[in-house]
Amino acid sequence: MTKAAITTHILDLESGEPASGVLVTLQCPLGRKVQATTDADGRITNWQDPVELTKGHYQMSFKVGPYFLARGVETFYDEIPVQFRTDTARAHYHVPLLLSPFGYSTYRGS
């Protein structure tokens, strides 16, 4: 299986473990949406439907509320939206999320 054009990885900074079972929605240019759930390693390398990389604005929404609820951890966030743009010069974009119950960080990974 080939890696998707846009991938993510969530690390829970409080537990020091990957955040598995988090539903993520990717909104593509022109409004198309796809979803996937992070695997045991906290990664999404493939979406429910293939994503063809196009130039434009994207939003990745991480539904973290249920993840923390399942762990019995109070959180400030229910959903974390991350907006970014792409150009067609790259074949792959990786958008990691470093997560804690009361803060988060994201960056363009490799």
C-alpha atoms as a PDB file:
ATOM      1  CA  MET A   1       0.000   0.000   0.000  1.00  0.00           C
ATOM      2  CA  THR A   2       1.402   3.413  -0.903  1.00  0.00           C
ATOM      3  CA  LYS A   3       1.487   6.329   1.492  1.00  0.00           C
ATOM      4  CA  ALA A   4      -1.170   9.002   1.012  1.00  0.00           C
ATOM      5  CA  ALA A   5      -0.214  12.452  -0.234  1.00  0.00           C
ATOM      6  CA  ILE A   6      -1.210  13.897   3.171  1.00  0.00           C
ATOM      7  CA  THR A   7      -0.499  12.025   6.406  1.00  0.00           C
ATOM      8  CA  THR A   8      -0.564  12.724  10.142  1.00  0.00           C
ATOM      9  CA  HIS A   9       0.783  11.395  13.428  1.00  0.00           C
ATOM     10  CA  ILE A  10      -0.577  12.266  16.884  1.00  0.00           C
ATOM     11  CA  LEU A  11       1.581  11.977  19.995  1.00  0.00           C
ATOM     12  CA  ASP A  12      -0.005  12.393  23.436  1.00  0.00           C
ATOM     13  CA  LEU A  13       2.542  14.424  25.402  1.00  0.00           C
ATOM     14  CA  GLU A  14       0.860  13.678  28.740  1.00  0.00           C
ATOM     15  CA  SER A  15       1.091   9.895  28.429  1.00  0.00           C
ATOM     16  CA  GLY A  16       4.129   9.811  26.159  1.00  0.00           C
ATOM     17  CA  GLU A  17       2.236   7.428  23.866  1.00  0.00           C
ATOM     18  CA  PRO A  18       0.774   7.649  20.359  1.00  0.00           C
ATOM     19  CA  ALA A  19      -2.873   8.769  20.345  1.00  0.00           C
ATOM     20  CA  SER A  20      -4.736   5.874  18.754  1.00  0.00           C
ATOM     21  CA  GLY A  21      -8.414   5.849  17.825  1.00  0.00           C
ATOM     22  CA  VAL A  22      -8.701   9.572  17.037  1.00  0.00           C
ATOM     23  CA  LEU A  23     -11.099  10.415  14.204  1.00  0.00           C
ATOM     24  CA  VAL A  24      -9.579  12.901  11.754  1.00  0.00           C
ATOM     25  CA  THR A  25     -11.404  14.655   8.918  1.00  0.00           C
ATOM     26  CA  LEU A  26      -9.475  16.138   6.019  1.00  0.00           C
ATOM     27  CA  GLN A  27     -11.282  18.824   4.052  1.00  0.00           C
ATOM     28  CA  CYS A  28      -9.715  19.260   0.633  1.00  0.00           C
ATOM     29  CA  PRO A  29      -9.963  22.140  -1.833  1.00  0.00           C
ATOM     30  CA  LEU A  30     -13.405  22.425  -3.442  1.00  0.00           C
ATOM     31  CA  GLY A  31     -15.032  21.017  -0.277  1.00  0.00           C
ATOM     32  CA  ARG A  32     -14.276  17.302  -0.601  1.00  0.00           C
ATOM     33  CA  LYS A  33     -13.965  15.595   2.820  1.00  0.00           C
ATOM     34  CA  VAL A  34     -12.371  12.285   3.764  1.00  0.00           C
ATOM     35  CA  GLN A  35     -11.923  10.648   7.166  1.00  0.00           C
ATOM     36  CA  ALA A  36      -9.752   8.112   8.917  1.00  0.00           C
ATOM     37  CA  THR A  37      -8.950   7.012  12.460  1.00  0.00           C
ATOM     38  CA  THR A  38      -5.434   6.942  13.869  1.00  0.00           C
ATOM     39  CA  ASP A  39      -3.939   3.468  14.159  1.00  0.00           C
ATOM     40  CA  ALA A  40      -2.186   1.921  17.186  1.00  0.00           C
ATOM     41  CA  ASP A  41       0.889   4.038  16.395  1.00  0.00           C
ATOM     42  CA  GLY A  42      -1.197   7.250  16.263  1.00  0.00           C
ATOM     43  CA  ARG A  43      -0.791   7.513  12.488  1.00  0.00           C
ATOM     44  CA  ILE A  44      -2.964   7.987   9.449  1.00  0.00           C
ATOM     45  CA  THR A  45      -1.157   6.971   6.298  1.00  0.00           C
ATOM     46  CA  ASN A  46      -4.275   6.284   4.219  1.00  0.00           C
ATOM     47  CA  TRP A  47      -7.710   7.898   4.141  1.00  0.00           C
ATOM     48  CA  GLN A  48     -11.081   6.195   3.582  1.00  0.00           C
ATOM     49  CA  ASP A  49     -10.855   7.373  -0.028  1.00  0.00           C
ATOM     50  CA  PRO A  50      -7.658   8.250  -1.893  1.00  0.00           C
ATOM     51  CA  VAL A  51      -6.612  11.898  -1.721  1.00  0.00           C
ATOM     52  CA  GLU A  52      -5.144  13.373  -4.873  1.00  0.00           C
ATOM     53  CA  LEU A  53      -2.884  16.231  -3.927  1.00  0.00           C
ATOM     54  CA  THR A  54      -3.914  19.511  -5.510  1.00  0.00           C
ATOM     55  CA  LYS A  55      -2.854  23.071  -4.943  1.00  0.00           C
ATOM     56  CA  GLY A  56      -5.036  24.816  -2.428  1.00  0.00           C
ATOM     57  CA  HIS A  57      -6.251  25.146   1.135  1.00  0.00           C
ATOM     58  CA  TYR A  58      -6.860  22.131   3.385  1.00  0.00           C
ATOM     59  CA  GLN A  59      -8.161  21.653   6.906  1.00  0.00           C
ATOM     60  CA  MET A  60      -7.404  18.664   9.079  1.00  0.00           C
ATOM     61  CA  SER A  61      -9.796  18.402  12.072  1.00  0.00           C
ATOM     62  CA  PHE A  62      -8.734  16.188  14.966  1.00  0.00           C
ATOM     63  CA  LYS A  63     -11.682  14.972  17.101  1.00  0.00           C
ATOM     64  CA  VAL A  64      -9.740  14.685  20.386  1.00  0.00           C
ATOM     65  CA  GLY A  65     -12.600  15.038  22.904  1.00  0.00           C
ATOM     66  CA  PRO A  66     -13.672  11.381  22.686  1.00  0.00           C
ATOM     67  CA  TYR A  67     -10.014  10.261  22.916  1.00  0.00           C
ATOM     68  CA  PHE A  68      -9.532  12.042  26.252  1.00  0.00           C
ATOM     69  CA  LEU A  69     -12.998  11.011  27.506  1.00  0.00           C
ATOM     70  CA  ALA A  70     -12.165   7.333  26.862  1.00  0.00           C
ATOM     71  CA  ARG A  71      -8.985   7.788  28.930  1.00  0.00           C
ATOM     72  CA  GLY A  72     -10.867   9.544  31.745  1.00  0.00           C
ATOM     73  CA  VAL A  73      -8.838  12.716  31.230  1.00  0.00           C
ATOM     74  CA  GLU A  74     -10.350  16.206  31.445  1.00  0.00           C
ATOM     75  CA  THR A  75      -9.560  18.310  28.373  1.00  0.00           C
ATOM     76  CA  PHE A  76     -10.103  21.828  27.137  1.00  0.00           C
ATOM     77  CA  TYR A  77     -10.464  20.707  23.506  1.00  0.00           C
ATOM     78  CA  ASP A  78     -13.128  18.724  21.720  1.00  0.00           C
ATOM     79  CA  GLU A  79     -11.816  19.261  18.205  1.00  0.00           C
ATOM     80  CA  ILE A  80      -8.611  20.810  16.888  1.00  0.00           C
ATOM     81  CA  PRO A  81      -8.721  22.295  13.367  1.00  0.00           C
ATOM     82  CA  VAL A  82      -5.422  22.758  11.535  1.00  0.00           C
ATOM     83  CA  GLN A  83      -5.526  24.764   8.313  1.00  0.00           C
ATOM     84  CA  PHE A  84      -2.717  24.627   5.785  1.00  0.00           C
ATOM     85  CA  ARG A  85      -2.078  25.172   2.095  1.00  0.00           C
ATOM     86  CA  THR A  86      -0.169  23.172  -0.456  1.00  0.00           C
ATOM     87  CA  ASP A  87       1.483  23.686  -3.759  1.00  0.00           C
ATOM     88  CA  THR A  88       2.087  20.889  -6.224  1.00  0.00           C
ATOM     89  CA  ALA A  89       5.874  21.095  -5.842  1.00  0.00           C
ATOM     90  CA  ARG A  90       5.860  18.424  -3.128  1.00  0.00           C
ATOM     91  CA  ALA A  91       4.552  14.886  -3.473  1.00  0.00           C
ATOM     92  CA  HIS A  92       3.833  14.449   0.257  1.00  0.00           C
ATOM     93  CA  TYR A  93       2.753  16.583   3.229  1.00  0.00           C
ATOM     94  CA  HIS A  94       2.953  15.307   6.820  1.00  0.00           C
ATOM     95  CA  VAL A  95       1.028  17.234   9.494  1.00  0.00           C
ATOM     96  CA  PRO A  96       1.901  15.937  13.000  1.00  0.00           C
ATOM     97  CA  LEU A  97       0.002  16.939  16.149  1.00  0.00           C
ATOM     98  CA  LEU A  98       1.660  17.025  19.573  1.00  0.00           C
ATOM     99  CA  LEU A  99      -1.239  16.842  22.013  1.00  0.00           C
ATOM    100  CA  SER A 100      -1.968  17.395  25.701  1.00  0.00           C
ATOM    101  CA  PRO A 101      -5.308  17.984  27.442  1.00  0.00           C
ATOM    102  CA  PHE A 102      -4.767  21.753  27.617  1.00  0.00           C
ATOM    103  CA  GLY A 103      -2.455  22.533  24.713  1.00  0.00           C
ATOM    104  CA  TYR A 104      -1.186  21.356  21.357  1.00  0.00           C
ATOM    105  CA  SER A 105       1.429  22.048  18.724  1.00  0.00           C
ATOM    106  CA  THR A 106       1.646  21.211  15.056  1.00  0.00           C
ATOM    107  CA  TYR A 107       4.173  21.655  12.274  1.00  0.00           C
ATOM    108  CA  ARG A 108       4.934  20.618   8.704  1.00  0.00           C
ATOM    109  CA  GLY A 109       6.767  17.350   9.029  1.00  0.00           C
ATOM    110  CA  SER A 110       8.595  15.196   6.539  1.00  0.00           C
END
